[in-house]
Amino acid sequence: MIRFLLNVYFFIILADVILSYLPQFRNEAFAKYIKQFAGYSLNPIRKLLPADLPFDISPLIVMLILQLLPALW
């Protein structure tokens, strides 16, 4: 059950990354909901990263952590 939830959250973050490249969906209700839900784990990582990075690698870090967590169980 935990692995399933981790996989679902992985795909939510992936959807957030894909939607960030599609500006026509930024004001849609589902896109705002996905961005808010993904922000729970991405925002703390963004605060730790330096602000002068050329692109946002926080989704990559969180997705890597989500893939490593099942190895602990």
PDB file of N, CA and C in Angstrom:
ATOM      1  N   MET A   1       0.817  -1.187   0.000  1.00  0.00           N
ATOM      2  CA  MET A   1       0.000   0.000   0.000  1.00  0.00           C
ATOM      3  C   MET A   1       0.871   1.266   0.000  1.00  0.00           C
ATOM      4  N   ILE A   2       1.946   1.246   0.784  1.00  0.00           N
ATOM      5  CA  ILE A   2       2.836   2.403   0.848  1.00  0.00           C
ATOM      6  C   ILE A   2       3.539   2.600  -0.489  1.00  0.00           C
ATOM      7  N   ARG A   3       3.956   1.513  -1.120  1.00  0.00           N
ATOM      8  CA  ARG A   3       4.612   1.623  -2.421  1.00  0.00           C
ATOM      9  C   ARG A   3       3.659   2.194  -3.467  1.00  0.00           C
ATOM     10  N   PHE A   4       2.406   1.800  -3.393  1.00  0.00           N
ATOM     11  CA  PHE A   4       1.410   2.333  -4.321  1.00  0.00           C
ATOM     12  C   PHE A   4       1.264   3.839  -4.141  1.00  0.00           C
ATOM     13  N   LEU A   5       1.190   4.303  -2.902  1.00  0.00           N
ATOM     14  CA  LEU A   5       1.054   5.734  -2.631  1.00  0.00           C
ATOM     15  C   LEU A   5       2.301   6.499  -3.074  1.00  0.00           C
ATOM     16  N   LEU A   6       3.472   5.900  -2.883  1.00  0.00           N
ATOM     17  CA  LEU A   6       4.704   6.543  -3.348  1.00  0.00           C
ATOM     18  C   LEU A   6       4.715   6.655  -4.870  1.00  0.00           C
ATOM     19  N   ASN A   7       4.233   5.629  -5.551  1.00  0.00           N
ATOM     20  CA  ASN A   7       4.167   5.674  -7.016  1.00  0.00           C
ATOM     21  C   ASN A   7       3.158   6.711  -7.495  1.00  0.00           C
ATOM     22  N   VAL A   8       2.024   6.820  -6.814  1.00  0.00           N
ATOM     23  CA  VAL A   8       1.026   7.823  -7.179  1.00  0.00           C
ATOM     24  C   VAL A   8       1.608   9.217  -7.001  1.00  0.00           C
ATOM     25  N   TYR A   9       2.309   9.445  -5.903  1.00  0.00           N
ATOM     26  CA  TYR A   9       2.906  10.762  -5.668  1.00  0.00           C
ATOM     27  C   TYR A   9       4.007  11.050  -6.685  1.00  0.00           C
ATOM     28  N   PHE A  10       4.742  10.020  -7.085  1.00  0.00           N
ATOM     29  CA  PHE A  10       5.760  10.159  -8.127  1.00  0.00           C
ATOM     30  C   PHE A  10       5.120  10.681  -9.412  1.00  0.00           C
ATOM     31  N   PHE A  11       3.982  10.113  -9.785  1.00  0.00           N
ATOM     32  CA  PHE A  11       3.316  10.535 -11.017  1.00  0.00           C
ATOM     33  C   PHE A  11       2.662  11.915 -10.870  1.00  0.00           C
ATOM     34  N   ILE A  12       2.288  12.294  -9.664  1.00  0.00           N
ATOM     35  CA  ILE A  12       1.777  13.648  -9.447  1.00  0.00           C
ATOM     36  C   ILE A  12       2.889  14.662  -9.669  1.00  0.00           C
ATOM     37  N   ILE A  13       4.071  14.374  -9.181  1.00  0.00           N
ATOM     38  CA  ILE A  13       5.208  15.277  -9.392  1.00  0.00           C
ATOM     39  C   ILE A  13       5.581  15.309 -10.869  1.00  0.00           C
ATOM     40  N   LEU A  14       5.535  14.167 -11.526  1.00  0.00           N
ATOM     41  CA  LEU A  14       5.814  14.119 -12.963  1.00  0.00           C
ATOM     42  C   LEU A  14       4.789  14.945 -13.742  1.00  0.00           C
ATOM     43  N   ALA A  15       3.530  14.859 -13.356  1.00  0.00           N
ATOM     44  CA  ALA A  15       2.489  15.659 -14.005  1.00  0.00           C
ATOM     45  C   ALA A  15       2.729  17.144 -13.769  1.00  0.00           C
ATOM     46  N   ASP A  16       3.193  17.500 -12.580  1.00  0.00           N
ATOM     47  CA  ASP A  16       3.498  18.904 -12.285  1.00  0.00           C
ATOM     48  C   ASP A  16       4.631  19.407 -13.175  1.00  0.00           C
ATOM     49  N   VAL A  17       5.640  18.588 -13.381  1.00  0.00           N
ATOM     50  CA  VAL A  17       6.763  18.972 -14.245  1.00  0.00           C
ATOM     51  C   VAL A  17       6.281  19.157 -15.683  1.00  0.00           C
ATOM     52  N   ILE A  18       5.476  18.232 -16.160  1.00  0.00           N
ATOM     53  CA  ILE A  18       4.982  18.327 -17.535  1.00  0.00           C
ATOM     54  C   ILE A  18       4.078  19.543 -17.695  1.00  0.00           C
ATOM     55  N   LEU A  19       3.203  19.777 -16.719  1.00  0.00           N
ATOM     56  CA  LEU A  19       2.302  20.933 -16.811  1.00  0.00           C
ATOM     57  C   LEU A  19       3.043  22.265 -16.721  1.00  0.00           C
ATOM     58  N   SER A  20       4.211  22.274 -16.114  1.00  0.00           N
ATOM     59  CA  SER A  20       4.972  23.522 -16.041  1.00  0.00           C
ATOM     60  C   SER A  20       5.482  23.951 -17.412  1.00  0.00           C
ATOM     61  N   TYR A  21       5.592  23.009 -18.354  1.00  0.00           N
ATOM     62  CA  TYR A  21       6.023  23.333 -19.705  1.00  0.00           C
ATOM     63  C   TYR A  21       4.862  23.679 -20.624  1.00  0.00           C
ATOM     64  N   LEU A  22       3.638  23.556 -20.145  1.00  0.00           N
ATOM     65  CA  LEU A  22       2.453  23.837 -20.953  1.00  0.00           C
ATOM     66  C   LEU A  22       1.715  25.041 -20.374  1.00  0.00           C
ATOM     67  N   PRO A  23       2.024  26.230 -20.848  1.00  0.00           N
ATOM     68  CA  PRO A  23       1.447  27.435 -20.236  1.00  0.00           C
ATOM     69  C   PRO A  23      -0.064  27.565 -20.413  1.00  0.00           C
ATOM     70  N   GLN A  24      -0.650  26.884 -21.372  1.00  0.00           N
ATOM     71  CA  GLN A  24      -2.091  27.011 -21.574  1.00  0.00           C
ATOM     72  C   GLN A  24      -2.895  26.347 -20.459  1.00  0.00           C
ATOM     73  N   PHE A  25      -2.253  25.505 -19.644  1.00  0.00           N
ATOM     74  CA  PHE A  25      -2.958  24.830 -18.556  1.00  0.00           C
ATOM     75  C   PHE A  25      -2.691  25.438 -17.180  1.00  0.00           C
ATOM     76  N   ARG A  26      -1.959  26.526 -17.100  1.00  0.00           N
ATOM     77  CA  ARG A  26      -1.574  27.094 -15.800  1.00  0.00           C
ATOM     78  C   ARG A  26      -2.760  27.568 -14.976  1.00  0.00           C
ATOM     79  N   ASN A  27      -3.812  28.040 -15.616  1.00  0.00           N
ATOM     80  CA  ASN A  27      -4.952  28.576 -14.881  1.00  0.00           C
ATOM     81  C   ASN A  27      -6.081  27.578 -14.707  1.00  0.00           C
ATOM     82  N   GLU A  28      -5.876  26.347 -15.122  1.00  0.00           N
ATOM     83  CA  GLU A  28      -6.898  25.307 -14.953  1.00  0.00           C
ATOM     84  C   GLU A  28      -6.931  24.839 -13.505  1.00  0.00           C
ATOM     85  N   ALA A  29      -8.103  24.421 -13.063  1.00  0.00           N
ATOM     86  CA  ALA A  29      -8.278  24.007 -11.667  1.00  0.00           C
ATOM     87  C   ALA A  29      -7.456  22.761 -11.342  1.00  0.00           C
ATOM     88  N   PHE A  30      -7.436  21.790 -12.248  1.00  0.00           N
ATOM     89  CA  PHE A  30      -6.687  20.563 -11.967  1.00  0.00           C
ATOM     90  C   PHE A  30      -5.195  20.825 -11.907  1.00  0.00           C
ATOM     91  N   ALA A  31      -4.688  21.765 -12.722  1.00  0.00           N
ATOM     92  CA  ALA A  31      -3.261  22.082 -12.713  1.00  0.00           C
ATOM     93  C   ALA A  31      -2.870  22.770 -11.406  1.00  0.00           C
ATOM     94  N   LYS A  32      -3.744  23.639 -10.908  1.00  0.00           N
ATOM     95  CA  LYS A  32      -3.462  24.299  -9.627  1.00  0.00           C
ATOM     96  C   LYS A  32      -3.479  23.292  -8.482  1.00  0.00           C
ATOM     97  N   TYR A  33      -4.398  22.320  -8.548  1.00  0.00           N
ATOM     98  CA  TYR A  33      -4.478  21.300  -7.509  1.00  0.00           C
ATOM     99  C   TYR A  33      -3.229  20.416  -7.524  1.00  0.00           C
ATOM    100  N   ILE A  34      -2.784  20.037  -8.711  1.00  0.00           N
ATOM    101  CA  ILE A  34      -1.575  19.215  -8.827  1.00  0.00           C
ATOM    102  C   ILE A  34      -0.363  19.993  -8.333  1.00  0.00           C
ATOM    103  N   LYS A  35      -0.267  21.268  -8.691  1.00  0.00           N
ATOM    104  CA  LYS A  35       0.867  22.098  -8.258  1.00  0.00           C
ATOM    105  C   LYS A  35       0.882  22.254  -6.740  1.00  0.00           C
ATOM    106  N   GLN A  36      -0.291  22.439  -6.150  1.00  0.00           N
ATOM    107  CA  GLN A  36      -0.377  22.569  -4.698  1.00  0.00           C
ATOM    108  C   GLN A  36       0.006  21.261  -4.014  1.00  0.00           C
ATOM    109  N   PHE A  37      -0.466  20.148  -4.531  1.00  0.00           N
ATOM    110  CA  PHE A  37      -0.186  18.853  -3.911  1.00  0.00           C
ATOM    111  C   PHE A  37       1.292  18.478  -4.060  1.00  0.00           C
ATOM    112  N   ALA A  38       1.887  18.781  -5.196  1.00  0.00           N
ATOM    113  CA  ALA A  38       3.307  18.493  -5.398  1.00  0.00           C
ATOM    114  C   ALA A  38       4.180  19.451  -4.594  1.00  0.00           C
ATOM    115  N   GLY A  39       3.672  20.634  -4.319  1.00  0.00           N
ATOM    116  CA  GLY A  39       4.444  21.634  -3.588  1.00  0.00           C
ATOM    117  C   GLY A  39       4.753  21.251  -2.157  1.00  0.00           C
ATOM    118  N   TYR A  40       3.991  20.327  -1.589  1.00  0.00           N
ATOM    119  CA  TYR A  40       4.249  19.914  -0.211  1.00  0.00           C
ATOM    120  C   TYR A  40       5.650  19.335  -0.039  1.00  0.00           C
ATOM    121  N   SER A  41       6.150  18.653  -1.034  1.00  0.00           N
ATOM    122  CA  SER A  41       7.497  18.101  -0.925  1.00  0.00           C
ATOM    123  C   SER A  41       8.523  18.906  -1.720  1.00  0.00           C
ATOM    124  N   LEU A  42       8.098  19.626  -2.736  1.00  0.00           N
ATOM    125  CA  LEU A  42       9.054  20.370  -3.560  1.00  0.00           C
ATOM    126  C   LEU A  42       9.500  21.671  -2.917  1.00  0.00           C
ATOM    127  N   ASN A  43       8.607  22.364  -2.237  1.00  0.00           N
ATOM    128  CA  ASN A  43       8.959  23.665  -1.655  1.00  0.00           C
ATOM    129  C   ASN A  43      10.066  23.588  -0.605  1.00  0.00           C
ATOM    130  N   PRO A  44      10.071  22.609   0.312  1.00  0.00           N
ATOM    131  CA  PRO A  44      11.206  22.542   1.255  1.00  0.00           C
ATOM    132  C   PRO A  44      12.543  22.271   0.570  1.00  0.00           C
ATOM    133  N   ILE A  45      12.522  21.478  -0.501  1.00  0.00           N
ATOM    134  CA  ILE A  45      13.763  21.221  -1.239  1.00  0.00           C
ATOM    135  C   ILE A  45      14.207  22.482  -1.963  1.00  0.00           C
ATOM    136  N   ARG A  46      13.264  23.238  -2.518  1.00  0.00           N
ATOM    137  CA  ARG A  46      13.605  24.482  -3.212  1.00  0.00           C
ATOM    138  C   ARG A  46      14.244  25.495  -2.271  1.00  0.00           C
ATOM    139  N   LYS A  47      13.825  25.495  -1.015  1.00  0.00           N
ATOM    140  CA  LYS A  47      14.410  26.424  -0.042  1.00  0.00           C
ATOM    141  C   LYS A  47      15.854  26.068   0.274  1.00  0.00           C
ATOM    142  N   LEU A  48      16.205  24.788   0.180  1.00  0.00           N
ATOM    143  CA  LEU A  48      17.558  24.346   0.481  1.00  0.00           C
ATOM    144  C   LEU A  48      18.527  24.566  -0.682  1.00  0.00           C
ATOM    145  N   LEU A  49      18.012  24.606  -1.894  1.00  0.00           N
ATOM    146  CA  LEU A  49      18.860  24.755  -3.072  1.00  0.00           C
ATOM    147  C   LEU A  49      19.242  26.225  -3.272  1.00  0.00           C
ATOM    148  N   PRO A  50      20.403  26.471  -3.869  1.00  0.00           N
ATOM    149  CA  PRO A  50      20.785  27.855  -4.149  1.00  0.00           C
ATOM    150  C   PRO A  50      19.845  28.483  -5.180  1.00  0.00           C
ATOM    151  N   ALA A  51      19.606  29.756  -5.053  1.00  0.00           N
ATOM    152  CA  ALA A  51      18.660  30.460  -5.922  1.00  0.00           C
ATOM    153  C   ALA A  51      19.223  30.727  -7.319  1.00  0.00           C
ATOM    154  N   ASP A  52      20.531  30.622  -7.498  1.00  0.00           N
ATOM    155  CA  ASP A  52      21.123  30.964  -8.792  1.00  0.00           C
ATOM    156  C   ASP A  52      21.280  29.770  -9.730  1.00  0.00           C
ATOM    157  N   LEU A  53      20.598  28.666  -9.462  1.00  0.00           N
ATOM    158  CA  LEU A  53      20.640  27.528 -10.376  1.00  0.00           C
ATOM    159  C   LEU A  53      19.893  27.882 -11.661  1.00  0.00           C
ATOM    160  N   PRO A  54      20.389  27.414 -12.805  1.00  0.00           N
ATOM    161  CA  PRO A  54      19.729  27.782 -14.064  1.00  0.00           C
ATOM    162  C   PRO A  54      18.368  27.116 -14.269  1.00  0.00           C
ATOM    163  N   PHE A  55      18.117  26.002 -13.579  1.00  0.00           N
ATOM    164  CA  PHE A  55      16.817  25.348 -13.669  1.00  0.00           C
ATOM    165  C   PHE A  55      16.507  24.671 -12.351  1.00  0.00           C
ATOM    166  N   ASP A  56      15.254  24.323 -12.167  1.00  0.00           N
ATOM    167  CA  ASP A  56      14.772  23.759 -10.906  1.00  0.00           C
ATOM    168  C   ASP A  56      15.005  22.251 -10.896  1.00  0.00           C
ATOM    169  N   ILE A  57      15.862  21.779  -9.995  1.00  0.00           N
ATOM    170  CA  ILE A  57      16.125  20.344  -9.915  1.00  0.00           C
ATOM    171  C   ILE A  57      15.419  19.693  -8.726  1.00  0.00           C
ATOM    172  N   SER A  58      14.575  20.446  -8.034  1.00  0.00           N
ATOM    173  CA  SER A  58      13.884  19.883  -6.883  1.00  0.00           C
ATOM    174  C   SER A  58      12.964  18.710  -7.256  1.00  0.00           C
ATOM    175  N   PRO A  59      12.251  18.720  -8.397  1.00  0.00           N
ATOM    176  CA  PRO A  59      11.463  17.527  -8.734  1.00  0.00           C
ATOM    177  C   PRO A  59      12.332  16.290  -8.938  1.00  0.00           C
ATOM    178  N   LEU A  60      13.500  16.491  -9.529  1.00  0.00           N
ATOM    179  CA  LEU A  60      14.412  15.370  -9.731  1.00  0.00           C
ATOM    180  C   LEU A  60      14.866  14.778  -8.403  1.00  0.00           C
ATOM    181  N   ILE A  61      15.179  15.623  -7.446  1.00  0.00           N
ATOM    182  CA  ILE A  61      15.624  15.160  -6.131  1.00  0.00           C
ATOM    183  C   ILE A  61      14.510  14.413  -5.416  1.00  0.00           C
ATOM    184  N   VAL A  62      13.294  14.970  -5.430  1.00  0.00           N
ATOM    185  CA  VAL A  62      12.173  14.321  -4.750  1.00  0.00           C
ATOM    186  C   VAL A  62      11.811  13.008  -5.425  1.00  0.00           C
ATOM    187  N   MET A  63      11.851  12.975  -6.754  1.00  0.00           N
ATOM    188  CA  MET A  63      11.535  11.737  -7.462  1.00  0.00           C
ATOM    189  C   MET A  63      12.583  10.660  -7.182  1.00  0.00           C
ATOM    190  N   LEU A  64      13.825  11.055  -7.055  1.00  0.00           N
ATOM    191  CA  LEU A  64      14.879  10.107  -6.705  1.00  0.00           C
ATOM    192  C   LEU A  64      14.664   9.559  -5.300  1.00  0.00           C
ATOM    193  N   ILE A  65      14.303  10.411  -4.365  1.00  0.00           N
ATOM    194  CA  ILE A  65      14.021   9.964  -2.993  1.00  0.00           C
ATOM    195  C   ILE A  65      12.823   9.028  -2.973  1.00  0.00           C
ATOM    196  N   LEU A  66      11.793   9.342  -3.756  1.00  0.00           N
ATOM    197  CA  LEU A  66      10.613   8.474  -3.812  1.00  0.00           C
ATOM    198  C   LEU A  66      10.940   7.110  -4.396  1.00  0.00           C
ATOM    199  N   GLN A  67      11.906   7.033  -5.293  1.00  0.00           N
ATOM    200  CA  GLN A  67      12.297   5.743  -5.848  1.00  0.00           C
ATOM    201  C   GLN A  67      13.210   4.967  -4.905  1.00  0.00           C
ATOM    202  N   LEU A  68      13.919   5.662  -4.031  1.00  0.00           N
ATOM    203  CA  LEU A  68      14.811   4.992  -3.083  1.00  0.00           C
ATOM    204  C   LEU A  68      14.089   4.512  -1.831  1.00  0.00           C
ATOM    205  N   LEU A  69      12.991   5.138  -1.472  1.00  0.00           N
ATOM    206  CA  LEU A  69      12.263   4.761  -0.257  1.00  0.00           C
ATOM    207  C   LEU A  69      11.785   3.311  -0.239  1.00  0.00           C
ATOM    208  N   PRO A  70      11.249   2.762  -1.336  1.00  0.00           N
ATOM    209  CA  PRO A  70      10.825   1.347  -1.274  1.00  0.00           C
ATOM    210  C   PRO A  70      11.985   0.381  -1.019  1.00  0.00           C
ATOM    211  N   ALA A  71      13.198   0.778  -1.343  1.00  0.00           N
ATOM    212  CA  ALA A  71      14.345  -0.089  -1.080  1.00  0.00           C
ATOM    213  C   ALA A  71      14.606  -0.233   0.408  1.00  0.00           C
ATOM    214  N   LEU A  72      14.093   0.705   1.213  1.00  0.00           N
ATOM    215  CA  LEU A  72      14.280   0.625   2.652  1.00  0.00           C
ATOM    216  C   LEU A  72      13.344  -0.383   3.304  1.00  0.00           C
ATOM    217  N   TRP A  73      12.222  -0.697   2.602  1.00  0.00           N
ATOM    218  CA  TRP A  73      11.280  -1.654   3.181  1.00  0.00           C
ATOM    219  C   TRP A  73      11.515  -3.015   2.619  1.00  0.00           C
TER     220      TRP A  73
END
